[in-house]
Amino acid sequence: RVFATKSDGTPETVFDINDEIVLKFEYEVHEPLETLQLSIVLARNMIDIFSSFDTDGLEEPLIQRLPGKYQAEMRIAPRILKAGGYSVTTYLGTISDLLLEVPSSTQFSIEELSENTAYRSYKRERPGQIIAPAAWTTTEV
């Protein structure tokens, strides 16, 4: 099962650009599996934005999962994703075998609810897929 929630755990399908988005994944392992990874590809308006593995932050990413029920959680910080429609493709597999692929395992949208983006670079209709994490300074010379 895959679903999106607000930071407080409330399931949601429509977010504001200033909301943290939490993607939750529930799955079950029936036998010990070496090198098992949960991975996703996030797409906006059918264009892939990024991929991520649940083991990306681990020092030793090739781990064994024992039989049991698992819940993985991925947090996406506010003001990263532009307004638009998003879908998550979920993969579960080992380094040698793809065990599960679920296209559009969950979908959500981001809206410009709390901010007028008419004069912002990240307005929905402008080029680009994310809000640039850049800090600008301008000085008179």
N, C-alpha and C. Protein backbone atom coordinates (compact mmCIF):
# COMPACT_ATOMS: atom_id res chain seq x y z
N ARG A 1 0.84 -1.18 0.00
CA ARG A 1 0.00 0.00 0.00
C ARG A 1 0.88 1.23 0.00
N VAL A 2 0.52 2.21 -0.78
CA VAL A 2 1.27 3.46 -0.90
C VAL A 2 0.28 4.60 -0.78
N PHE A 3 0.62 5.61 0.04
CA PHE A 3 -0.26 6.76 0.16
C PHE A 3 0.52 7.98 0.62
N ALA A 4 -0.06 9.15 0.40
CA ALA A 4 0.56 10.42 0.78
C ALA A 4 -0.19 10.99 1.97
N THR A 5 0.57 11.63 2.89
CA THR A 5 -0.03 12.26 4.05
C THR A 5 0.58 13.63 4.27
N LYS A 6 -0.11 14.40 5.10
CA LYS A 6 0.48 15.64 5.60
C LYS A 6 1.49 15.26 6.67
N SER A 7 2.23 16.23 7.19
CA SER A 7 3.27 15.93 8.18
C SER A 7 2.69 15.36 9.46
N ASP A 8 1.40 15.62 9.75
CA ASP A 8 0.78 15.09 10.96
C ASP A 8 0.21 13.69 10.78
N GLY A 9 0.39 13.10 9.57
CA GLY A 9 -0.08 11.75 9.31
C GLY A 9 -1.45 11.65 8.67
N THR A 10 -2.11 12.77 8.46
CA THR A 10 -3.43 12.78 7.85
C THR A 10 -3.32 12.49 6.35
N PRO A 11 -3.98 11.42 5.86
CA PRO A 11 -3.95 11.14 4.41
C PRO A 11 -4.47 12.33 3.62
N GLU A 12 -3.82 12.60 2.48
CA GLU A 12 -4.19 13.77 1.68
C GLU A 12 -3.82 13.52 0.23
N THR A 13 -4.55 14.16 -0.68
CA THR A 13 -4.21 14.08 -2.09
C THR A 13 -3.96 15.45 -2.71
N VAL A 14 -4.29 16.52 -1.98
CA VAL A 14 -4.04 17.89 -2.45
C VAL A 14 -3.22 18.61 -1.39
N PHE A 15 -2.06 19.13 -1.83
CA PHE A 15 -1.14 19.82 -0.93
C PHE A 15 -0.89 21.23 -1.42
N ASP A 16 -0.45 22.08 -0.53
CA ASP A 16 0.00 23.43 -0.86
C ASP A 16 1.50 23.38 -1.10
N ILE A 17 2.05 24.32 -1.88
CA ILE A 17 3.48 24.32 -2.13
C ILE A 17 4.29 24.48 -0.84
N ASN A 18 3.66 24.97 0.22
CA ASN A 18 4.35 25.15 1.50
C ASN A 18 4.16 23.98 2.46
N ASP A 19 3.54 22.89 2.00
CA ASP A 19 3.33 21.71 2.84
C ASP A 19 4.48 20.72 2.71
N GLU A 20 4.81 20.07 3.83
CA GLU A 20 5.67 18.89 3.75
C GLU A 20 4.78 17.74 3.28
N ILE A 21 5.32 16.89 2.41
CA ILE A 21 4.59 15.74 1.91
C ILE A 21 5.29 14.49 2.42
N VAL A 22 4.51 13.58 2.98
CA VAL A 22 5.06 12.33 3.49
C VAL A 22 4.48 11.19 2.65
N LEU A 23 5.36 10.45 2.01
CA LEU A 23 4.94 9.27 1.26
C LEU A 23 5.16 8.05 2.14
N LYS A 24 4.13 7.23 2.30
CA LYS A 24 4.22 6.05 3.15
C LYS A 24 4.01 4.80 2.32
N PHE A 25 4.81 3.80 2.62
CA PHE A 25 4.81 2.54 1.88
C PHE A 25 4.70 1.40 2.88
N GLU A 26 3.73 0.52 2.68
CA GLU A 26 3.58 -0.65 3.54
C GLU A 26 3.73 -1.89 2.68
N TYR A 27 4.57 -2.82 3.14
CA TYR A 27 4.77 -4.06 2.39
C TYR A 27 5.15 -5.18 3.34
N GLU A 28 5.08 -6.40 2.82
CA GLU A 28 5.37 -7.58 3.63
C GLU A 28 6.42 -8.44 2.93
N VAL A 29 7.36 -8.93 3.72
CA VAL A 29 8.41 -9.82 3.22
C VAL A 29 8.10 -11.21 3.76
N HIS A 30 8.06 -12.21 2.88
CA HIS A 30 7.68 -13.57 3.28
C HIS A 30 8.87 -14.49 3.53
N GLU A 31 10.04 -14.12 3.03
CA GLU A 31 11.24 -14.93 3.25
C GLU A 31 12.43 -13.98 3.31
N PRO A 32 13.52 -14.35 3.95
CA PRO A 32 14.68 -13.44 4.01
C PRO A 32 15.14 -13.07 2.60
N LEU A 33 15.37 -11.79 2.39
CA LEU A 33 15.80 -11.31 1.08
C LEU A 33 17.05 -10.45 1.23
N GLU A 34 18.10 -10.87 0.57
CA GLU A 34 19.34 -10.09 0.56
C GLU A 34 19.19 -8.93 -0.42
N THR A 35 19.75 -7.80 -0.09
CA THR A 35 19.83 -6.59 -0.92
C THR A 35 18.46 -6.03 -1.32
N LEU A 36 17.43 -6.25 -0.50
CA LEU A 36 16.10 -5.75 -0.84
C LEU A 36 16.06 -4.23 -0.71
N GLN A 37 15.54 -3.58 -1.74
CA GLN A 37 15.39 -2.13 -1.74
C GLN A 37 13.99 -1.76 -2.21
N LEU A 38 13.44 -0.76 -1.55
CA LEU A 38 12.21 -0.11 -2.00
C LEU A 38 12.67 1.14 -2.72
N SER A 39 12.19 1.35 -3.93
CA SER A 39 12.58 2.55 -4.66
C SER A 39 11.36 3.18 -5.31
N ILE A 40 11.49 4.46 -5.58
CA ILE A 40 10.39 5.18 -6.23
C ILE A 40 10.94 6.06 -7.33
N VAL A 41 10.06 6.39 -8.25
CA VAL A 41 10.30 7.46 -9.22
C VAL A 41 9.11 8.40 -9.09
N LEU A 42 9.41 9.67 -8.82
CA LEU A 42 8.37 10.69 -8.71
C LEU A 42 8.30 11.45 -10.02
N ALA A 43 7.10 11.57 -10.57
CA ALA A 43 6.90 12.27 -11.84
C ALA A 43 5.90 13.41 -11.65
N ARG A 44 6.15 14.50 -12.34
CA ARG A 44 5.22 15.64 -12.38
C ARG A 44 4.74 15.78 -13.81
N ASN A 45 3.43 15.75 -13.99
CA ASN A 45 2.84 15.87 -15.32
C ASN A 45 3.52 14.90 -16.30
N MET A 46 3.76 13.69 -15.82
CA MET A 46 4.31 12.57 -16.58
C MET A 46 5.79 12.75 -16.96
N ILE A 47 6.50 13.66 -16.30
CA ILE A 47 7.94 13.84 -16.50
C ILE A 47 8.63 13.42 -15.21
N ASP A 48 9.57 12.46 -15.30
CA ASP A 48 10.28 12.00 -14.10
C ASP A 48 11.08 13.15 -13.49
N ILE A 49 10.92 13.31 -12.16
CA ILE A 49 11.61 14.38 -11.43
C ILE A 49 12.83 13.82 -10.71
N PHE A 50 12.63 12.73 -9.97
CA PHE A 50 13.75 12.09 -9.28
C PHE A 50 13.40 10.67 -8.92
N SER A 51 14.44 9.92 -8.59
CA SER A 51 14.26 8.58 -8.04
C SER A 51 14.93 8.56 -6.68
N SER A 52 14.48 7.64 -5.84
CA SER A 52 15.05 7.53 -4.50
C SER A 52 14.90 6.10 -4.01
N PHE A 53 15.91 5.61 -3.29
CA PHE A 53 15.87 4.28 -2.66
C PHE A 53 15.71 4.45 -1.16
N ASP A 54 15.04 3.51 -0.52
CA ASP A 54 14.91 3.58 0.94
C ASP A 54 16.25 3.33 1.64
N THR A 55 17.25 2.89 0.89
CA THR A 55 18.57 2.63 1.46
C THR A 55 19.58 3.73 1.13
N ASP A 56 19.16 4.82 0.47
CA ASP A 56 20.09 5.88 0.07
C ASP A 56 20.86 6.46 1.25
N GLY A 57 20.25 6.59 2.40
CA GLY A 57 20.90 7.20 3.55
C GLY A 57 21.72 6.25 4.39
N LEU A 58 21.75 4.98 4.03
CA LEU A 58 22.48 3.99 4.82
C LEU A 58 23.94 3.90 4.38
N GLU A 59 24.83 3.72 5.33
CA GLU A 59 26.24 3.56 5.00
C GLU A 59 26.47 2.28 4.21
N GLU A 60 25.77 1.23 4.59
CA GLU A 60 25.82 -0.05 3.87
C GLU A 60 24.45 -0.29 3.24
N PRO A 61 24.24 0.12 1.98
CA PRO A 61 22.90 0.07 1.39
C PRO A 61 22.40 -1.32 1.00
N LEU A 62 23.28 -2.31 0.94
CA LEU A 62 22.85 -3.65 0.54
C LEU A 62 22.57 -4.47 1.80
N ILE A 63 21.32 -4.41 2.25
CA ILE A 63 20.95 -5.03 3.51
C ILE A 63 20.02 -6.22 3.29
N GLN A 64 19.84 -7.00 4.34
CA GLN A 64 18.90 -8.13 4.30
C GLN A 64 17.62 -7.71 5.03
N ARG A 65 16.50 -8.05 4.45
CA ARG A 65 15.21 -7.86 5.12
C ARG A 65 14.70 -9.24 5.52
N LEU A 66 14.36 -9.37 6.78
CA LEU A 66 13.82 -10.62 7.30
C LEU A 66 12.32 -10.64 7.11
N PRO A 67 11.67 -11.81 7.20
CA PRO A 67 10.21 -11.87 7.06
C PRO A 67 9.53 -10.96 8.08
N GLY A 68 8.49 -10.28 7.62
CA GLY A 68 7.73 -9.40 8.49
C GLY A 68 7.05 -8.31 7.69
N LYS A 69 6.31 -7.47 8.41
CA LYS A 69 5.63 -6.32 7.80
C LYS A 69 6.50 -5.09 7.99
N TYR A 70 6.59 -4.27 6.95
CA TYR A 70 7.44 -3.09 6.98
C TYR A 70 6.63 -1.86 6.57
N GLN A 71 7.01 -0.72 7.14
CA GLN A 71 6.48 0.56 6.70
C GLN A 71 7.67 1.49 6.48
N ALA A 72 7.76 2.03 5.29
CA ALA A 72 8.80 3.00 4.96
C ALA A 72 8.14 4.36 4.77
N GLU A 73 8.90 5.40 5.05
CA GLU A 73 8.36 6.76 4.98
C GLU A 73 9.40 7.65 4.32
N MET A 74 8.96 8.43 3.37
CA MET A 74 9.84 9.40 2.70
C MET A 74 9.23 10.78 2.87
N ARG A 75 10.02 11.71 3.38
CA ARG A 75 9.55 13.07 3.61
C ARG A 75 10.11 14.00 2.54
N ILE A 76 9.21 14.76 1.92
CA ILE A 76 9.61 15.74 0.90
C ILE A 76 9.37 17.12 1.50
N ALA A 77 10.44 17.88 1.60
CA ALA A 77 10.38 19.19 2.25
C ALA A 77 9.46 20.15 1.50
N PRO A 78 8.91 21.12 2.22
CA PRO A 78 8.09 22.15 1.56
C PRO A 78 8.93 22.94 0.56
N ARG A 79 8.25 23.54 -0.41
CA ARG A 79 8.85 24.46 -1.37
C ARG A 79 9.95 23.83 -2.22
N ILE A 80 9.77 22.54 -2.52
CA ILE A 80 10.66 21.87 -3.46
C ILE A 80 9.90 21.59 -4.76
N LEU A 81 8.67 21.09 -4.62
CA LEU A 81 7.88 20.69 -5.77
C LEU A 81 6.95 21.82 -6.20
N LYS A 82 6.94 22.10 -7.51
CA LYS A 82 6.04 23.11 -8.06
C LYS A 82 4.60 22.58 -8.09
N ALA A 83 3.67 23.49 -8.28
CA ALA A 83 2.27 23.09 -8.44
C ALA A 83 2.15 22.19 -9.66
N GLY A 84 1.27 21.19 -9.55
CA GLY A 84 1.04 20.27 -10.66
C GLY A 84 0.57 18.93 -10.16
N GLY A 85 0.35 18.02 -11.08
CA GLY A 85 -0.06 16.67 -10.74
C GLY A 85 1.15 15.75 -10.65
N TYR A 86 1.20 14.94 -9.61
CA TYR A 86 2.33 14.04 -9.36
C TYR A 86 1.87 12.59 -9.28
N SER A 87 2.74 11.70 -9.70
CA SER A 87 2.49 10.28 -9.53
C SER A 87 3.78 9.62 -9.05
N VAL A 88 3.60 8.54 -8.29
CA VAL A 88 4.72 7.79 -7.74
C VAL A 88 4.68 6.39 -8.34
N THR A 89 5.78 5.97 -8.97
CA THR A 89 5.93 4.58 -9.38
C THR A 89 6.81 3.92 -8.33
N THR A 90 6.35 2.79 -7.81
CA THR A 90 7.04 2.10 -6.73
C THR A 90 7.64 0.80 -7.23
N TYR A 91 8.87 0.54 -6.81
CA TYR A 91 9.58 -0.69 -7.16
C TYR A 91 10.07 -1.36 -5.89
N LEU A 92 10.05 -2.67 -5.88
CA LEU A 92 10.61 -3.45 -4.79
C LEU A 92 11.43 -4.56 -5.43
N GLY A 93 12.70 -4.64 -5.04
CA GLY A 93 13.53 -5.65 -5.66
C GLY A 93 14.89 -5.76 -5.01
N THR A 94 15.67 -6.67 -5.54
CA THR A 94 17.04 -6.87 -5.10
C THR A 94 17.95 -6.40 -6.23
N ILE A 95 19.26 -6.48 -6.00
CA ILE A 95 20.16 -6.02 -7.06
C ILE A 95 20.08 -6.89 -8.31
N SER A 96 19.51 -8.10 -8.19
CA SER A 96 19.42 -8.99 -9.36
C SER A 96 18.00 -9.21 -9.87
N ASP A 97 16.97 -8.92 -9.05
CA ASP A 97 15.60 -9.23 -9.46
C ASP A 97 14.63 -8.09 -9.09
N LEU A 98 13.83 -7.68 -10.07
CA LEU A 98 12.72 -6.78 -9.80
C LEU A 98 11.54 -7.64 -9.36
N LEU A 99 11.11 -7.46 -8.12
CA LEU A 99 10.04 -8.29 -7.58
C LEU A 99 8.66 -7.67 -7.77
N LEU A 100 8.61 -6.34 -7.81
CA LEU A 100 7.32 -5.65 -7.90
C LEU A 100 7.52 -4.28 -8.53
N GLU A 101 6.65 -3.95 -9.47
CA GLU A 101 6.62 -2.61 -10.06
C GLU A 101 5.17 -2.16 -10.09
N VAL A 102 4.90 -1.02 -9.47
CA VAL A 102 3.53 -0.51 -9.42
C VAL A 102 3.50 0.91 -9.98
N PRO A 103 3.19 1.05 -11.28
CA PRO A 103 3.08 2.39 -11.85
C PRO A 103 1.93 3.15 -11.19
N SER A 104 2.14 4.43 -10.99
CA SER A 104 1.11 5.30 -10.37
C SER A 104 0.55 4.67 -9.10
N SER A 105 1.44 4.20 -8.23
CA SER A 105 1.00 3.56 -6.99
C SER A 105 0.28 4.55 -6.07
N THR A 106 0.58 5.82 -6.21
CA THR A 106 -0.21 6.87 -5.57
C THR A 106 -0.07 8.13 -6.40
N GLN A 107 -1.06 8.99 -6.29
CA GLN A 107 -1.06 10.25 -7.01
C GLN A 107 -1.48 11.36 -6.06
N PHE A 108 -0.95 12.54 -6.30
CA PHE A 108 -1.35 13.71 -5.52
C PHE A 108 -1.11 14.95 -6.36
N SER A 109 -1.65 16.05 -5.89
CA SER A 109 -1.41 17.31 -6.59
C SER A 109 -0.94 18.36 -5.59
N ILE A 110 -0.22 19.32 -6.13
CA ILE A 110 0.24 20.46 -5.34
C ILE A 110 -0.35 21.70 -5.98
N GLU A 111 -0.90 22.56 -5.13
CA GLU A 111 -1.53 23.79 -5.58
C GLU A 111 -0.82 25.00 -4.96
N GLU A 112 -1.06 26.15 -5.55
CA GLU A 112 -0.51 27.41 -5.06
C GLU A 112 -1.57 28.09 -4.19
N LEU A 113 -1.87 27.48 -3.05
CA LEU A 113 -2.97 27.93 -2.21
C LEU A 113 -2.57 29.09 -1.28
N SER A 114 -1.38 29.06 -0.75
CA SER A 114 -0.99 30.04 0.26
C SER A 114 -0.13 31.17 -0.28
N GLU A 115 0.11 31.17 -1.59
CA GLU A 115 1.01 32.16 -2.16
C GLU A 115 0.58 32.51 -3.58
N ASN A 116 0.58 33.80 -3.89
CA ASN A 116 0.32 34.26 -5.24
C ASN A 116 1.64 34.16 -6.00
N THR A 117 1.72 33.26 -6.96
CA THR A 117 2.97 33.03 -7.68
C THR A 117 3.03 33.75 -9.03
N ALA A 118 2.15 34.71 -9.24
CA ALA A 118 2.09 35.41 -10.53
C ALA A 118 3.44 35.96 -10.95
N TYR A 119 4.23 36.47 -10.01
CA TYR A 119 5.52 37.07 -10.34
C TYR A 119 6.68 36.24 -9.79
N ARG A 120 6.47 34.94 -9.68
CA ARG A 120 7.51 34.03 -9.18
C ARG A 120 7.97 33.11 -10.31
N SER A 121 9.22 32.71 -10.25
CA SER A 121 9.76 31.82 -11.30
C SER A 121 9.11 30.45 -11.27
N TYR A 122 8.55 30.07 -10.14
CA TYR A 122 8.00 28.72 -9.97
C TYR A 122 6.49 28.65 -10.15
N LYS A 123 5.91 29.66 -10.80
CA LYS A 123 4.49 29.58 -11.15
C LYS A 123 4.27 28.31 -11.97
N ARG A 124 3.16 27.66 -11.75
CA ARG A 124 2.85 26.37 -12.38
C ARG A 124 3.15 26.34 -13.88
N GLU A 125 2.78 27.37 -14.60
CA GLU A 125 2.87 27.37 -16.06
C GLU A 125 4.28 27.67 -16.59
N ARG A 126 5.19 28.10 -15.72
CA ARG A 126 6.53 28.44 -16.19
C ARG A 126 7.39 27.18 -16.34
N PRO A 127 8.46 27.27 -17.14
CA PRO A 127 9.34 26.10 -17.34
C PRO A 127 9.93 25.60 -16.03
N GLY A 128 10.24 24.33 -16.02
CA GLY A 128 10.87 23.72 -14.85
C GLY A 128 9.90 22.83 -14.10
N GLN A 129 10.48 21.96 -13.29
CA GLN A 129 9.68 20.98 -12.56
C GLN A 129 9.75 21.14 -11.05
N ILE A 130 10.75 21.89 -10.57
CA ILE A 130 10.89 22.08 -9.12
C ILE A 130 11.09 23.56 -8.83
N ILE A 131 10.99 23.90 -7.54
CA ILE A 131 11.31 25.25 -7.08
C ILE A 131 12.81 25.26 -6.80
N ALA A 132 13.54 26.11 -7.48
CA ALA A 132 14.99 26.14 -7.34
C ALA A 132 15.39 26.51 -5.92
N PRO A 133 16.22 25.68 -5.27
CA PRO A 133 16.67 25.98 -3.91
C PRO A 133 17.87 26.94 -3.94
N ALA A 134 17.65 28.09 -4.56
CA ALA A 134 18.74 29.06 -4.74
C ALA A 134 18.49 30.30 -3.88
N ALA A 135 19.56 30.92 -3.45
CA ALA A 135 19.48 32.18 -2.72
C ALA A 135 20.13 33.26 -3.58
N TRP A 136 19.37 34.26 -3.94
CA TRP A 136 19.87 35.34 -4.79
C TRP A 136 20.24 36.55 -3.93
N THR A 137 21.27 37.27 -4.37
CA THR A 137 21.57 38.59 -3.82
C THR A 137 21.84 39.50 -5.00
N THR A 138 21.35 40.72 -4.93
CA THR A 138 21.58 41.71 -5.98
C THR A 138 22.06 42.97 -5.31
N THR A 139 23.15 43.53 -5.83
CA THR A 139 23.69 44.76 -5.28
C THR A 139 23.92 45.76 -6.40
N GLU A 140 23.81 47.01 -6.08
CA GLU A 140 24.08 48.06 -7.05
C GLU A 140 25.60 48.24 -7.11
N VAL A 141 26.11 48.34 -8.33
CA VAL A 141 27.57 48.50 -8.49
C VAL A 141 27.91 49.79 -9.18
